[in-house]
Amino acid sequence: MDFTPSVYEHAAALIGRSPREVSRNGELLFQGHAEAFRRYRHSPVVVGIDIYNLEAEAYGAIVTQPEGNAVPAISTHPYASVVEVGRLPHYDPVRAGRIPMMLEAAQRIARTFPSADVRVPVSGPFSIACALVGFETLLCEAVGDPVCVRDALLHLAEGQINFCRAVRDCGLGVAFFESAAAPPLLSPDMFAAVELPPLRRVIEGAGAILGQPVPCVIGGNTAPILHHLLSTGTRYVICPVETDQAAFMGCIWQCTEIRVRINMDLRVLVRGPWQAIRAEVDRVLALVRGRANVCLGTGTLPFETPAENVLHVAEYVKFL
């Protein structure tokens, strides 16, 4: 059984630096993810710290740099309406904000570790729109004028396809993230009406550019929208701990061409002790035993996650 922990801000902890420092320094970004790969040999290696912030920042959002070991976050939403977002010129991914720094660090990881599956995080249109106008504004406008919001998200989707083209030109892969759109934040009906068309557009467009299906990573209660996710053509989904994992796996059990990463409870992984961690791993593995094309995963490892806990899990599942 493969174990694929999700390493972002935790990479900063492994080199004794804060997420704030690493998120703004290409050398530290390389060092952190290089050290994570040396320790965990995880796949894929997704190079980033505050992975949902970069595109929104390129569109004008302000990212606050916190003290201590907190993760940088969007502090202000620069636009008052989704209509404004739908009129924005697309950013240039080879020049905008921190995106070139991330691409360069990812290329260095790929050159240093030729066996690694190195990917660049690409945010979904709904997540970007949330950062640009705020979730409450986005949701209210989606209820009041779903067609307008859908069209604005389709506009953002085209910008993300441009981003994927730049990623391909760097010789890298893509990991697509869109957790802001998951229930209960967005109802299944609203997901289908507003989010699914732009999501399908970006997944299909990115897959055509890269020559292979793009992983679609959406956390939250995704069992009610699983059929929508599969309709995008993705061949990689996650089964989040926040959903009914048994129901999720029951729905996708026969679709063995779809790789499923089933996540364990991060709270147990972080807090331990080992007996509790092992019991949680056993619980998750029991849900997928006998199903081909699965791997054990996590949500985003918190900064403070004990590295020895991650290594214990990797060793435990190695021969399962």
C-alpha atoms as a PDB file:
ATOM      1  CA  MET A   1       0.000   0.000   0.000  1.00  0.00           C
ATOM      2  CA  ASP A   2       1.371   3.414  -0.966  1.00  0.00           C
ATOM      3  CA  PHE A   3       1.312   6.149   1.658  1.00  0.00           C
ATOM      4  CA  THR A   4       1.004   9.677   0.258  1.00  0.00           C
ATOM      5  CA  PRO A   5       1.098  12.358   2.965  1.00  0.00           C
ATOM      6  CA  SER A   6       0.242  15.888   1.826  1.00  0.00           C
ATOM      7  CA  VAL A   7       3.271  18.034   2.617  1.00  0.00           C
ATOM      8  CA  TYR A   8       3.040  21.820   2.330  1.00  0.00           C
ATOM      9  CA  GLU A   9       3.732  23.988   5.413  1.00  0.00           C
ATOM     10  CA  HIS A  10       5.154  20.918   7.154  1.00  0.00           C
ATOM     11  CA  ALA A  11       8.096  21.180   4.727  1.00  0.00           C
ATOM     12  CA  ALA A  12       9.064  24.411   6.497  1.00  0.00           C
ATOM     13  CA  ALA A  13       9.182  22.650   9.863  1.00  0.00           C
ATOM     14  CA  LEU A  14      11.560  20.032   8.496  1.00  0.00           C
ATOM     15  CA  ILE A  15      14.216  22.706   7.843  1.00  0.00           C
ATOM     16  CA  GLY A  16      13.540  24.688  11.007  1.00  0.00           C
ATOM     17  CA  ARG A  17      11.938  27.686   9.296  1.00  0.00           C
ATOM     18  CA  SER A  18       8.479  29.238   9.460  1.00  0.00           C
ATOM     19  CA  PRO A  19       5.862  28.864   6.704  1.00  0.00           C
ATOM     20  CA  ARG A  20       6.033  32.650   6.290  1.00  0.00           C
ATOM     21  CA  GLU A  21       9.764  32.519   5.515  1.00  0.00           C
ATOM     22  CA  VAL A  22       9.600  29.545   3.182  1.00  0.00           C
ATOM     23  CA  SER A  23       6.563  30.802   1.264  1.00  0.00           C
ATOM     24  CA  ARG A  24       8.519  33.871   0.084  1.00  0.00           C
ATOM     25  CA  ASN A  25      11.944  32.400  -0.570  1.00  0.00           C
ATOM     26  CA  GLY A  26      12.618  30.113  -3.506  1.00  0.00           C
ATOM     27  CA  GLU A  27      15.772  28.613  -1.999  1.00  0.00           C
ATOM     28  CA  LEU A  28      13.974  27.738   1.239  1.00  0.00           C
ATOM     29  CA  LEU A  29      11.009  26.381  -0.709  1.00  0.00           C
ATOM     30  CA  PHE A  30      13.367  24.046  -2.546  1.00  0.00           C
ATOM     31  CA  GLN A  31      15.195  23.040   0.641  1.00  0.00           C
ATOM     32  CA  GLY A  32      11.976  22.295   2.531  1.00  0.00           C
ATOM     33  CA  HIS A  33      10.424  20.073  -0.121  1.00  0.00           C
ATOM     34  CA  ALA A  34      13.748  18.418  -0.863  1.00  0.00           C
ATOM     35  CA  GLU A  35      14.092  17.492   2.805  1.00  0.00           C
ATOM     36  CA  ALA A  36      10.500  16.227   2.904  1.00  0.00           C
ATOM     37  CA  PHE A  37      11.142  13.962  -0.076  1.00  0.00           C
ATOM     38  CA  ARG A  38      14.385  12.662   1.416  1.00  0.00           C
ATOM     39  CA  ARG A  39      12.521  11.665   4.561  1.00  0.00           C
ATOM     40  CA  TYR A  40       9.181  10.465   3.255  1.00  0.00           C
ATOM     41  CA  ARG A  41       9.736   9.515  -0.415  1.00  0.00           C
ATOM     42  CA  HIS A  42       6.116  10.516  -0.970  1.00  0.00           C
ATOM     43  CA  SER A  43       4.424  10.759  -4.337  1.00  0.00           C
ATOM     44  CA  PRO A  44       3.453  13.152  -5.674  1.00  0.00           C
ATOM     45  CA  VAL A  45       5.674  15.963  -4.413  1.00  0.00           C
ATOM     46  CA  VAL A  46       3.499  19.089  -4.616  1.00  0.00           C
ATOM     47  CA  VAL A  47       5.721  22.121  -4.226  1.00  0.00           C
ATOM     48  CA  GLY A  48       4.121  24.908  -2.235  1.00  0.00           C
ATOM     49  CA  ILE A  49       3.299  26.223   1.230  1.00  0.00           C
ATOM     50  CA  ASP A  50       0.105  28.328   1.097  1.00  0.00           C
ATOM     51  CA  ILE A  51      -1.094  26.605  -2.032  1.00  0.00           C
ATOM     52  CA  TYR A  52      -4.470  28.346  -2.404  1.00  0.00           C
ATOM     53  CA  ASN A  53      -3.036  31.865  -2.188  1.00  0.00           C
ATOM     54  CA  LEU A  54      -0.768  32.248  -5.191  1.00  0.00           C
ATOM     55  CA  GLU A  55      -3.255  32.721  -8.027  1.00  0.00           C
ATOM     56  CA  ALA A  56      -5.507  34.957  -5.924  1.00  0.00           C
ATOM     57  CA  GLU A  57      -2.457  37.038  -5.041  1.00  0.00           C
ATOM     58  CA  ALA A  58      -1.639  37.316  -8.736  1.00  0.00           C
ATOM     59  CA  TYR A  59      -5.145  38.718  -9.248  1.00  0.00           C
ATOM     60  CA  GLY A  60      -4.687  41.337  -6.508  1.00  0.00           C
ATOM     61  CA  ALA A  61      -5.499  39.675  -3.181  1.00  0.00           C
ATOM     62  CA  ILE A  62      -3.322  40.570  -0.200  1.00  0.00           C
ATOM     63  CA  VAL A  63      -1.646  37.742   1.687  1.00  0.00           C
ATOM     64  CA  THR A  64      -0.904  38.454   5.335  1.00  0.00           C
ATOM     65  CA  GLN A  65       2.435  37.200   6.613  1.00  0.00           C
ATOM     66  CA  PRO A  66       1.752  36.040  10.182  1.00  0.00           C
ATOM     67  CA  GLU A  67       4.134  35.780  13.067  1.00  0.00           C
ATOM     68  CA  GLY A  68       5.230  32.425  14.391  1.00  0.00           C
ATOM     69  CA  ASN A  69       4.392  29.250  12.507  1.00  0.00           C
ATOM     70  CA  ALA A  70       0.940  30.101  11.209  1.00  0.00           C
ATOM     71  CA  VAL A  71       0.299  29.701   7.492  1.00  0.00           C
ATOM     72  CA  PRO A  72       0.013  32.886   5.384  1.00  0.00           C
ATOM     73  CA  ALA A  73      -3.595  33.725   4.556  1.00  0.00           C
ATOM     74  CA  ILE A  74      -5.627  36.127   2.429  1.00  0.00           C
ATOM     75  CA  SER A  75      -6.334  39.140   4.644  1.00  0.00           C
ATOM     76  CA  THR A  76      -8.453  41.283   2.332  1.00  0.00           C
ATOM     77  CA  HIS A  77     -10.702  40.509  -0.609  1.00  0.00           C
ATOM     78  CA  PRO A  78      -9.898  43.048  -3.333  1.00  0.00           C
ATOM     79  CA  TYR A  79     -13.184  42.882  -5.265  1.00  0.00           C
ATOM     80  CA  ALA A  80     -16.740  43.584  -4.202  1.00  0.00           C
ATOM     81  CA  SER A  81     -18.533  41.445  -6.761  1.00  0.00           C
ATOM     82  CA  VAL A  82     -18.061  38.346  -8.870  1.00  0.00           C
ATOM     83  CA  VAL A  83     -18.925  40.511 -11.885  1.00  0.00           C
ATOM     84  CA  GLU A  84     -15.603  42.311 -11.391  1.00  0.00           C
ATOM     85  CA  VAL A  85     -13.789  38.991 -11.200  1.00  0.00           C
ATOM     86  CA  GLY A  86     -15.299  37.912 -14.511  1.00  0.00           C
ATOM     87  CA  ARG A  87     -13.750  40.955 -16.184  1.00  0.00           C
ATOM     88  CA  LEU A  88     -10.223  40.593 -14.860  1.00  0.00           C
ATOM     89  CA  PRO A  89      -7.388  40.087 -17.348  1.00  0.00           C
ATOM     90  CA  HIS A  90      -5.722  36.749 -16.806  1.00  0.00           C
ATOM     91  CA  TYR A  91      -2.396  36.877 -14.980  1.00  0.00           C
ATOM     92  CA  ASP A  92       0.794  35.805 -16.762  1.00  0.00           C
ATOM     93  CA  PRO A  93       1.969  32.661 -14.928  1.00  0.00           C
ATOM     94  CA  VAL A  94       5.604  33.120 -15.928  1.00  0.00           C
ATOM     95  CA  ARG A  95       5.729  36.616 -14.396  1.00  0.00           C
ATOM     96  CA  ALA A  96       2.958  37.063 -11.836  1.00  0.00           C
ATOM     97  CA  GLY A  97       3.691  37.235  -8.128  1.00  0.00           C
ATOM     98  CA  ARG A  98       5.264  34.174  -6.537  1.00  0.00           C
ATOM     99  CA  ILE A  99       4.245  31.746  -9.269  1.00  0.00           C
ATOM    100  CA  PRO A 100       7.604  31.914 -11.133  1.00  0.00           C
ATOM    101  CA  MET A 101       9.418  31.247  -7.852  1.00  0.00           C
ATOM    102  CA  MET A 102       7.268  28.159  -7.257  1.00  0.00           C
ATOM    103  CA  LEU A 103       7.846  26.887 -10.794  1.00  0.00           C
ATOM    104  CA  GLU A 104      11.603  27.297 -10.445  1.00  0.00           C
ATOM    105  CA  ALA A 105      11.673  25.489  -7.083  1.00  0.00           C
ATOM    106  CA  ALA A 106       9.600  22.641  -8.532  1.00  0.00           C
ATOM    107  CA  GLN A 107      11.974  22.327 -11.480  1.00  0.00           C
ATOM    108  CA  ARG A 108      14.918  22.129  -9.082  1.00  0.00           C
ATOM    109  CA  ILE A 109      13.180  19.351  -7.140  1.00  0.00           C
ATOM    110  CA  ALA A 110      12.576  17.456 -10.389  1.00  0.00           C
ATOM    111  CA  ARG A 111      16.225  17.811 -11.443  1.00  0.00           C
ATOM    112  CA  THR A 112      17.551  16.835  -8.017  1.00  0.00           C
ATOM    113  CA  PHE A 113      15.249  13.820  -7.610  1.00  0.00           C
ATOM    114  CA  PRO A 114      14.626  12.340 -11.067  1.00  0.00           C
ATOM    115  CA  SER A 115      12.470   9.558  -9.605  1.00  0.00           C
ATOM    116  CA  ALA A 116      10.038  11.987  -7.945  1.00  0.00           C
ATOM    117  CA  ASP A 117       6.623  12.777  -9.401  1.00  0.00           C
ATOM    118  CA  VAL A 118       6.819  16.561  -9.035  1.00  0.00           C
ATOM    119  CA  ARG A 119       3.647  18.580  -9.396  1.00  0.00           C
ATOM    120  CA  VAL A 120       2.615  22.206  -9.157  1.00  0.00           C
ATOM    121  CA  PRO A 121      -0.532  23.081  -7.186  1.00  0.00           C
ATOM    122  CA  VAL A 122      -3.213  24.705  -9.342  1.00  0.00           C
ATOM    123  CA  SER A 123      -6.283  26.175  -7.636  1.00  0.00           C
ATOM    124  CA  GLY A 124      -9.796  25.749  -8.910  1.00  0.00           C
ATOM    125  CA  PRO A 125     -11.905  28.710 -10.029  1.00  0.00           C
ATOM    126  CA  PHE A 126     -14.298  28.605  -7.078  1.00  0.00           C
ATOM    127  CA  SER A 127     -11.435  28.671  -4.586  1.00  0.00           C
ATOM    128  CA  ILE A 128      -9.864  31.637  -6.381  1.00  0.00           C
ATOM    129  CA  ALA A 129     -13.175  33.499  -6.458  1.00  0.00           C
ATOM    130  CA  CYS A 130     -13.625  32.892  -2.723  1.00  0.00           C
ATOM    131  CA  ALA A 131     -10.273  34.533  -2.081  1.00  0.00           C
ATOM    132  CA  LEU A 132     -11.069  37.489  -4.345  1.00  0.00           C
ATOM    133  CA  VAL A 133     -14.567  38.392  -3.074  1.00  0.00           C
ATOM    134  CA  GLY A 134     -15.039  36.339   0.108  1.00  0.00           C
ATOM    135  CA  PHE A 135     -17.172  33.221   0.529  1.00  0.00           C
ATOM    136  CA  GLU A 136     -20.297  35.004   1.772  1.00  0.00           C
ATOM    137  CA  THR A 137     -20.362  37.366  -1.209  1.00  0.00           C
ATOM    138  CA  LEU A 138     -19.703  34.520  -3.628  1.00  0.00           C
ATOM    139  CA  LEU A 139     -22.445  32.346  -2.138  1.00  0.00           C
ATOM    140  CA  CYS A 140     -25.016  35.154  -2.084  1.00  0.00           C
ATOM    141  CA  GLU A 141     -24.322  35.998  -5.708  1.00  0.00           C
ATOM    142  CA  ALA A 142     -24.448  32.325  -6.657  1.00  0.00           C
ATOM    143  CA  VAL A 143     -27.935  32.093  -5.156  1.00  0.00           C
ATOM    144  CA  GLY A 144     -29.102  35.356  -6.720  1.00  0.00           C
ATOM    145  CA  ASP A 145     -27.526  35.015 -10.159  1.00  0.00           C
ATOM    146  CA  PRO A 146     -26.026  31.560 -10.670  1.00  0.00           C
ATOM    147  CA  VAL A 147     -25.461  32.100 -14.408  1.00  0.00           C
ATOM    148  CA  CYS A 148     -23.349  35.205 -13.777  1.00  0.00           C
ATOM    149  CA  VAL A 149     -21.254  33.384 -11.179  1.00  0.00           C
ATOM    150  CA  ARG A 150     -20.857  30.356 -13.420  1.00  0.00           C
ATOM    151  CA  ASP A 151     -19.645  32.558 -16.258  1.00  0.00           C
ATOM    152  CA  ALA A 152     -17.155  34.346 -13.987  1.00  0.00           C
ATOM    153  CA  LEU A 153     -15.824  30.979 -12.852  1.00  0.00           C
ATOM    154  CA  LEU A 154     -15.517  29.875 -16.461  1.00  0.00           C
ATOM    155  CA  HIS A 155     -13.436  32.990 -17.071  1.00  0.00           C
ATOM    156  CA  LEU A 156     -11.142  32.051 -14.169  1.00  0.00           C
ATOM    157  CA  ALA A 157     -10.974  28.496 -15.495  1.00  0.00           C
ATOM    158  CA  GLU A 158      -9.434  29.754 -18.740  1.00  0.00           C
ATOM    159  CA  GLY A 159      -6.731  31.506 -16.723  1.00  0.00           C
ATOM    160  CA  GLN A 160      -5.989  28.273 -14.898  1.00  0.00           C
ATOM    161  CA  ILE A 161      -5.683  26.426 -18.188  1.00  0.00           C
ATOM    162  CA  ASN A 162      -3.069  29.009 -19.191  1.00  0.00           C
ATOM    163  CA  PHE A 163      -1.285  28.248 -15.918  1.00  0.00           C
ATOM    164  CA  CYS A 164      -1.317  24.522 -16.703  1.00  0.00           C
ATOM    165  CA  ARG A 165       0.253  25.262 -20.072  1.00  0.00           C
ATOM    166  CA  ALA A 166       3.130  27.077 -18.322  1.00  0.00           C
ATOM    167  CA  VAL A 167       3.513  24.134 -15.929  1.00  0.00           C
ATOM    168  CA  ARG A 168       3.769  21.730 -18.862  1.00  0.00           C
ATOM    169  CA  ASP A 169       6.358  23.946 -20.523  1.00  0.00           C
ATOM    170  CA  CYS A 170       8.454  23.603 -17.355  1.00  0.00           C
ATOM    171  CA  GLY A 171       8.320  19.820 -17.674  1.00  0.00           C
ATOM    172  CA  LEU A 172       6.176  19.421 -14.548  1.00  0.00           C
ATOM    173  CA  GLY A 173       2.841  17.889 -13.602  1.00  0.00           C
ATOM    174  CA  VAL A 174      -0.276  19.436 -12.093  1.00  0.00           C
ATOM    175  CA  ALA A 175      -2.198  18.754  -8.892  1.00  0.00           C
ATOM    176  CA  PHE A 176      -5.589  20.470  -9.009  1.00  0.00           C
ATOM    177  CA  PHE A 177      -7.193  21.708  -5.775  1.00  0.00           C
ATOM    178  CA  GLU A 178     -10.762  22.975  -5.323  1.00  0.00           C
ATOM    179  CA  SER A 179     -11.814  22.280  -1.733  1.00  0.00           C
ATOM    180  CA  ALA A 180     -13.705  25.567  -1.273  1.00  0.00           C
ATOM    181  CA  ALA A 181     -16.466  24.198  -3.503  1.00  0.00           C
ATOM    182  CA  ALA A 182     -17.219  21.050  -1.509  1.00  0.00           C
ATOM    183  CA  PRO A 183     -20.370  20.443   0.537  1.00  0.00           C
ATOM    184  CA  PRO A 184     -21.420  21.601   3.062  1.00  0.00           C
ATOM    185  CA  LEU A 185     -19.870  24.912   1.920  1.00  0.00           C
ATOM    186  CA  LEU A 186     -21.697  24.516  -1.396  1.00  0.00           C
ATOM    187  CA  SER A 187     -24.803  22.355  -1.721  1.00  0.00           C
ATOM    188  CA  PRO A 188     -24.771  19.510  -4.273  1.00  0.00           C
ATOM    189  CA  ASP A 189     -27.392  21.314  -6.396  1.00  0.00           C
ATOM    190  CA  MET A 190     -25.428  24.558  -6.338  1.00  0.00           C
ATOM    191  CA  PHE A 191     -22.253  22.633  -7.134  1.00  0.00           C
ATOM    192  CA  ALA A 192     -23.890  21.166 -10.237  1.00  0.00           C
ATOM    193  CA  ALA A 193     -25.315  24.475 -11.434  1.00  0.00           C
ATOM    194  CA  VAL A 194     -22.449  26.850 -10.719  1.00  0.00           C
ATOM    195  CA  GLU A 195     -19.213  24.954 -10.184  1.00  0.00           C
ATOM    196  CA  LEU A 196     -19.381  21.836 -12.304  1.00  0.00           C
ATOM    197  CA  PRO A 197     -19.174  23.496 -15.774  1.00  0.00           C
ATOM    198  CA  PRO A 198     -15.985  25.483 -14.953  1.00  0.00           C
ATOM    199  CA  LEU A 199     -14.542  22.536 -13.043  1.00  0.00           C
ATOM    200  CA  ARG A 200     -15.110  20.234 -15.998  1.00  0.00           C
ATOM    201  CA  ARG A 201     -13.655  22.846 -18.345  1.00  0.00           C
ATOM    202  CA  VAL A 202     -10.418  23.230 -16.415  1.00  0.00           C
ATOM    203  CA  ILE A 203      -9.961  19.494 -15.760  1.00  0.00           C
ATOM    204  CA  GLU A 204     -10.559  18.636 -19.419  1.00  0.00           C
ATOM    205  CA  GLY A 205      -8.463  21.544 -20.671  1.00  0.00           C
ATOM    206  CA  ALA A 206      -5.560  20.758 -18.378  1.00  0.00           C
ATOM    207  CA  GLY A 207      -5.709  17.084 -19.282  1.00  0.00           C
ATOM    208  CA  ALA A 208      -5.540  17.907 -22.987  1.00  0.00           C
ATOM    209  CA  ILE A 209      -2.509  20.154 -22.449  1.00  0.00           C
ATOM    210  CA  LEU A 210      -0.665  17.685 -20.239  1.00  0.00           C
ATOM    211  CA  GLY A 211      -1.598  14.601 -22.230  1.00  0.00           C
ATOM    212  CA  GLN A 212      -3.038  12.798 -19.214  1.00  0.00           C
ATOM    213  CA  PRO A 213      -5.937  13.154 -16.764  1.00  0.00           C
ATOM    214  CA  VAL A 214      -5.400  15.655 -13.960  1.00  0.00           C
ATOM    215  CA  PRO A 215      -5.894  14.691 -10.294  1.00  0.00           C
ATOM    216  CA  CYS A 216      -8.877  16.479  -8.752  1.00  0.00           C
ATOM    217  CA  VAL A 217      -8.335  17.096  -5.031  1.00  0.00           C
ATOM    218  CA  ILE A 218     -11.463  18.283  -3.230  1.00  0.00           C
ATOM    219  CA  GLY A 219     -11.843  17.866   0.515  1.00  0.00           C
ATOM    220  CA  GLY A 220     -15.013  18.099   2.584  1.00  0.00           C
ATOM    221  CA  ASN A 221     -18.177  16.054   2.317  1.00  0.00           C
ATOM    222  CA  THR A 222     -17.690  14.913  -1.269  1.00  0.00           C
ATOM    223  CA  ALA A 223     -19.710  11.675  -1.277  1.00  0.00           C
ATOM    224  CA  PRO A 224     -22.867  13.558  -2.448  1.00  0.00           C
ATOM    225  CA  ILE A 225     -21.001  15.068  -5.427  1.00  0.00           C
ATOM    226  CA  LEU A 226     -18.772  12.126  -6.343  1.00  0.00           C
ATOM    227  CA  HIS A 227     -20.680  11.418  -9.565  1.00  0.00           C
ATOM    228  CA  HIS A 228     -20.110  15.023 -10.610  1.00  0.00           C
ATOM    229  CA  LEU A 229     -16.390  14.788  -9.907  1.00  0.00           C
ATOM    230  CA  LEU A 230     -16.076  11.650 -12.001  1.00  0.00           C
ATOM    231  CA  SER A 231     -17.903  13.338 -14.879  1.00  0.00           C
ATOM    232  CA  THR A 232     -14.945  15.732 -15.271  1.00  0.00           C
ATOM    233  CA  GLY A 233     -12.735  12.945 -16.614  1.00  0.00           C
ATOM    234  CA  THR A 234     -10.323  12.953 -13.702  1.00  0.00           C
ATOM    235  CA  ARG A 235      -8.696   9.640 -12.836  1.00  0.00           C
ATOM    236  CA  TYR A 236      -7.617  10.549  -9.293  1.00  0.00           C
ATOM    237  CA  VAL A 237      -9.859  11.629  -6.415  1.00  0.00           C
ATOM    238  CA  ILE A 238      -9.544  11.696  -2.659  1.00  0.00           C
ATOM    239  CA  CYS A 239     -11.906  10.166  -0.135  1.00  0.00           C
ATOM    240  CA  PRO A 240     -11.759  12.776   2.641  1.00  0.00           C
ATOM    241  CA  VAL A 241     -12.120  11.949   6.298  1.00  0.00           C
ATOM    242  CA  GLU A 242     -14.885  14.603   6.470  1.00  0.00           C
ATOM    243  CA  THR A 243     -17.236  12.542   4.289  1.00  0.00           C
ATOM    244  CA  ASP A 244     -18.957   9.176   4.762  1.00  0.00           C
ATOM    245  CA  GLN A 245     -15.953   7.179   3.634  1.00  0.00           C
ATOM    246  CA  ALA A 246     -17.797   3.862   3.478  1.00  0.00           C
ATOM    247  CA  ALA A 247     -20.499   5.346   1.245  1.00  0.00           C
ATOM    248  CA  PHE A 248     -17.885   7.076  -0.911  1.00  0.00           C
ATOM    249  CA  MET A 249     -15.950   3.874  -1.463  1.00  0.00           C
ATOM    250  CA  GLY A 250     -19.144   1.946  -2.125  1.00  0.00           C
ATOM    251  CA  CYS A 251     -20.022   4.340  -4.933  1.00  0.00           C
ATOM    252  CA  ILE A 252     -16.597   4.148  -6.589  1.00  0.00           C
ATOM    253  CA  TRP A 253     -15.681   0.544  -5.790  1.00  0.00           C
ATOM    254  CA  GLN A 254     -16.191  -0.821  -9.293  1.00  0.00           C
ATOM    255  CA  CYS A 255     -14.504   2.130 -11.020  1.00  0.00           C
ATOM    256  CA  THR A 256     -11.031   0.716 -10.594  1.00  0.00           C
ATOM    257  CA  GLU A 257      -9.618   2.890 -13.360  1.00  0.00           C
ATOM    258  CA  ILE A 258     -10.014   5.765 -10.855  1.00  0.00           C
ATOM    259  CA  ARG A 259      -7.225   5.981  -8.285  1.00  0.00           C
ATOM    260  CA  VAL A 260      -8.555   6.802  -4.830  1.00  0.00           C
ATOM    261  CA  ARG A 261      -6.522   8.321  -2.031  1.00  0.00           C
ATOM    262  CA  ILE A 262      -8.369   7.591   1.182  1.00  0.00           C
ATOM    263  CA  ASN A 263      -7.384   9.936   3.982  1.00  0.00           C
ATOM    264  CA  MET A 264      -6.786   9.075   7.603  1.00  0.00           C
ATOM    265  CA  ASP A 265      -7.747  11.421  10.440  1.00  0.00           C
ATOM    266  CA  LEU A 266      -5.001  14.027  10.780  1.00  0.00           C
ATOM    267  CA  ARG A 267      -5.853  14.715  14.415  1.00  0.00           C
ATOM    268  CA  VAL A 268      -4.811  11.187  15.312  1.00  0.00           C
ATOM    269  CA  LEU A 269      -1.654  11.350  13.208  1.00  0.00           C
ATOM    270  CA  VAL A 270      -0.546  14.585  14.865  1.00  0.00           C
ATOM    271  CA  ARG A 271      -1.424  13.720  18.471  1.00  0.00           C
ATOM    272  CA  GLY A 272      -0.683   9.995  18.638  1.00  0.00           C
ATOM    273  CA  PRO A 273       0.146   7.839  20.487  1.00  0.00           C
ATOM    274  CA  TRP A 274       1.303   5.175  18.044  1.00  0.00           C
ATOM    275  CA  GLN A 275      -1.382   2.714  19.163  1.00  0.00           C
ATOM    276  CA  ALA A 276      -4.089   5.215  18.206  1.00  0.00           C
ATOM    277  CA  ILE A 277      -2.380   6.022  14.899  1.00  0.00           C
ATOM    278  CA  ARG A 278      -2.126   2.351  14.002  1.00  0.00           C
ATOM    279  CA  ALA A 279      -5.797   1.806  14.868  1.00  0.00           C
ATOM    280  CA  GLU A 280      -6.752   4.709  12.586  1.00  0.00           C
ATOM    281  CA  VAL A 281      -4.652   3.308   9.746  1.00  0.00           C
ATOM    282  CA  ASP A 282      -6.282  -0.101  10.232  1.00  0.00           C
ATOM    283  CA  ARG A 283      -9.743   1.511  10.152  1.00  0.00           C
ATOM    284  CA  VAL A 284      -9.024   3.220   6.847  1.00  0.00           C
ATOM    285  CA  LEU A 285      -7.388   0.201   5.255  1.00  0.00           C
ATOM    286  CA  ALA A 286     -10.367  -1.963   6.145  1.00  0.00           C
ATOM    287  CA  LEU A 287     -12.548   0.305   4.013  1.00  0.00           C
ATOM    288  CA  VAL A 288     -10.468  -0.317   0.882  1.00  0.00           C
ATOM    289  CA  ARG A 289      -9.251  -3.874   1.395  1.00  0.00           C
ATOM    290  CA  GLY A 290      -9.728  -5.814  -1.840  1.00  0.00           C
ATOM    291  CA  ARG A 291     -10.142  -2.713  -4.006  1.00  0.00           C
ATOM    292  CA  ALA A 292      -7.431  -2.094  -6.586  1.00  0.00           C
ATOM    293  CA  ASN A 293      -5.846   1.289  -7.303  1.00  0.00           C
ATOM    294  CA  VAL A 294      -5.972   2.872  -3.847  1.00  0.00           C
ATOM    295  CA  CYS A 295      -3.470   4.607  -1.593  1.00  0.00           C
ATOM    296  CA  LEU A 296      -3.468   5.854   1.990  1.00  0.00           C
ATOM    297  CA  GLY A 297      -3.271   9.614   2.393  1.00  0.00           C
ATOM    298  CA  THR A 298      -3.701  12.551   4.709  1.00  0.00           C
ATOM    299  CA  GLY A 299      -5.081  16.016   4.586  1.00  0.00           C
ATOM    300  CA  THR A 300      -2.527  18.812   4.722  1.00  0.00           C
ATOM    301  CA  LEU A 301       0.055  17.890   7.368  1.00  0.00           C
ATOM    302  CA  PRO A 302       0.108  20.643   9.986  1.00  0.00           C
ATOM    303  CA  PHE A 303       3.399  22.394  10.581  1.00  0.00           C
ATOM    304  CA  GLU A 304       3.782  20.726  13.976  1.00  0.00           C
ATOM    305  CA  THR A 305       3.233  17.132  12.798  1.00  0.00           C
ATOM    306  CA  PRO A 306       5.892  14.886  14.386  1.00  0.00           C
ATOM    307  CA  ALA A 307       8.002  13.528  11.533  1.00  0.00           C
ATOM    308  CA  GLU A 308       8.425  10.225  13.362  1.00  0.00           C
ATOM    309  CA  ASN A 309       4.652   9.667  13.237  1.00  0.00           C
ATOM    310  CA  VAL A 310       4.654  10.038   9.454  1.00  0.00           C
ATOM    311  CA  LEU A 311       7.610   7.668   9.152  1.00  0.00           C
ATOM    312  CA  HIS A 312       5.947   5.100  11.417  1.00  0.00           C
ATOM    313  CA  VAL A 313       2.865   5.048   9.183  1.00  0.00           C
ATOM    314  CA  ALA A 314       4.974   4.738   6.036  1.00  0.00           C
ATOM    315  CA  GLU A 315       6.845   1.781   7.499  1.00  0.00           C
ATOM    316  CA  TYR A 316       3.660   0.147   8.828  1.00  0.00           C
ATOM    317  CA  VAL A 317       1.863   0.136   5.460  1.00  0.00           C
ATOM    318  CA  LYS A 318       4.901  -0.634   3.310  1.00  0.00           C
ATOM    319  CA  PHE A 319       4.208  -4.349   3.011  1.00  0.00           C
ATOM    320  CA  LEU A 320       0.404  -4.281   3.211  1.00  0.00           C
END
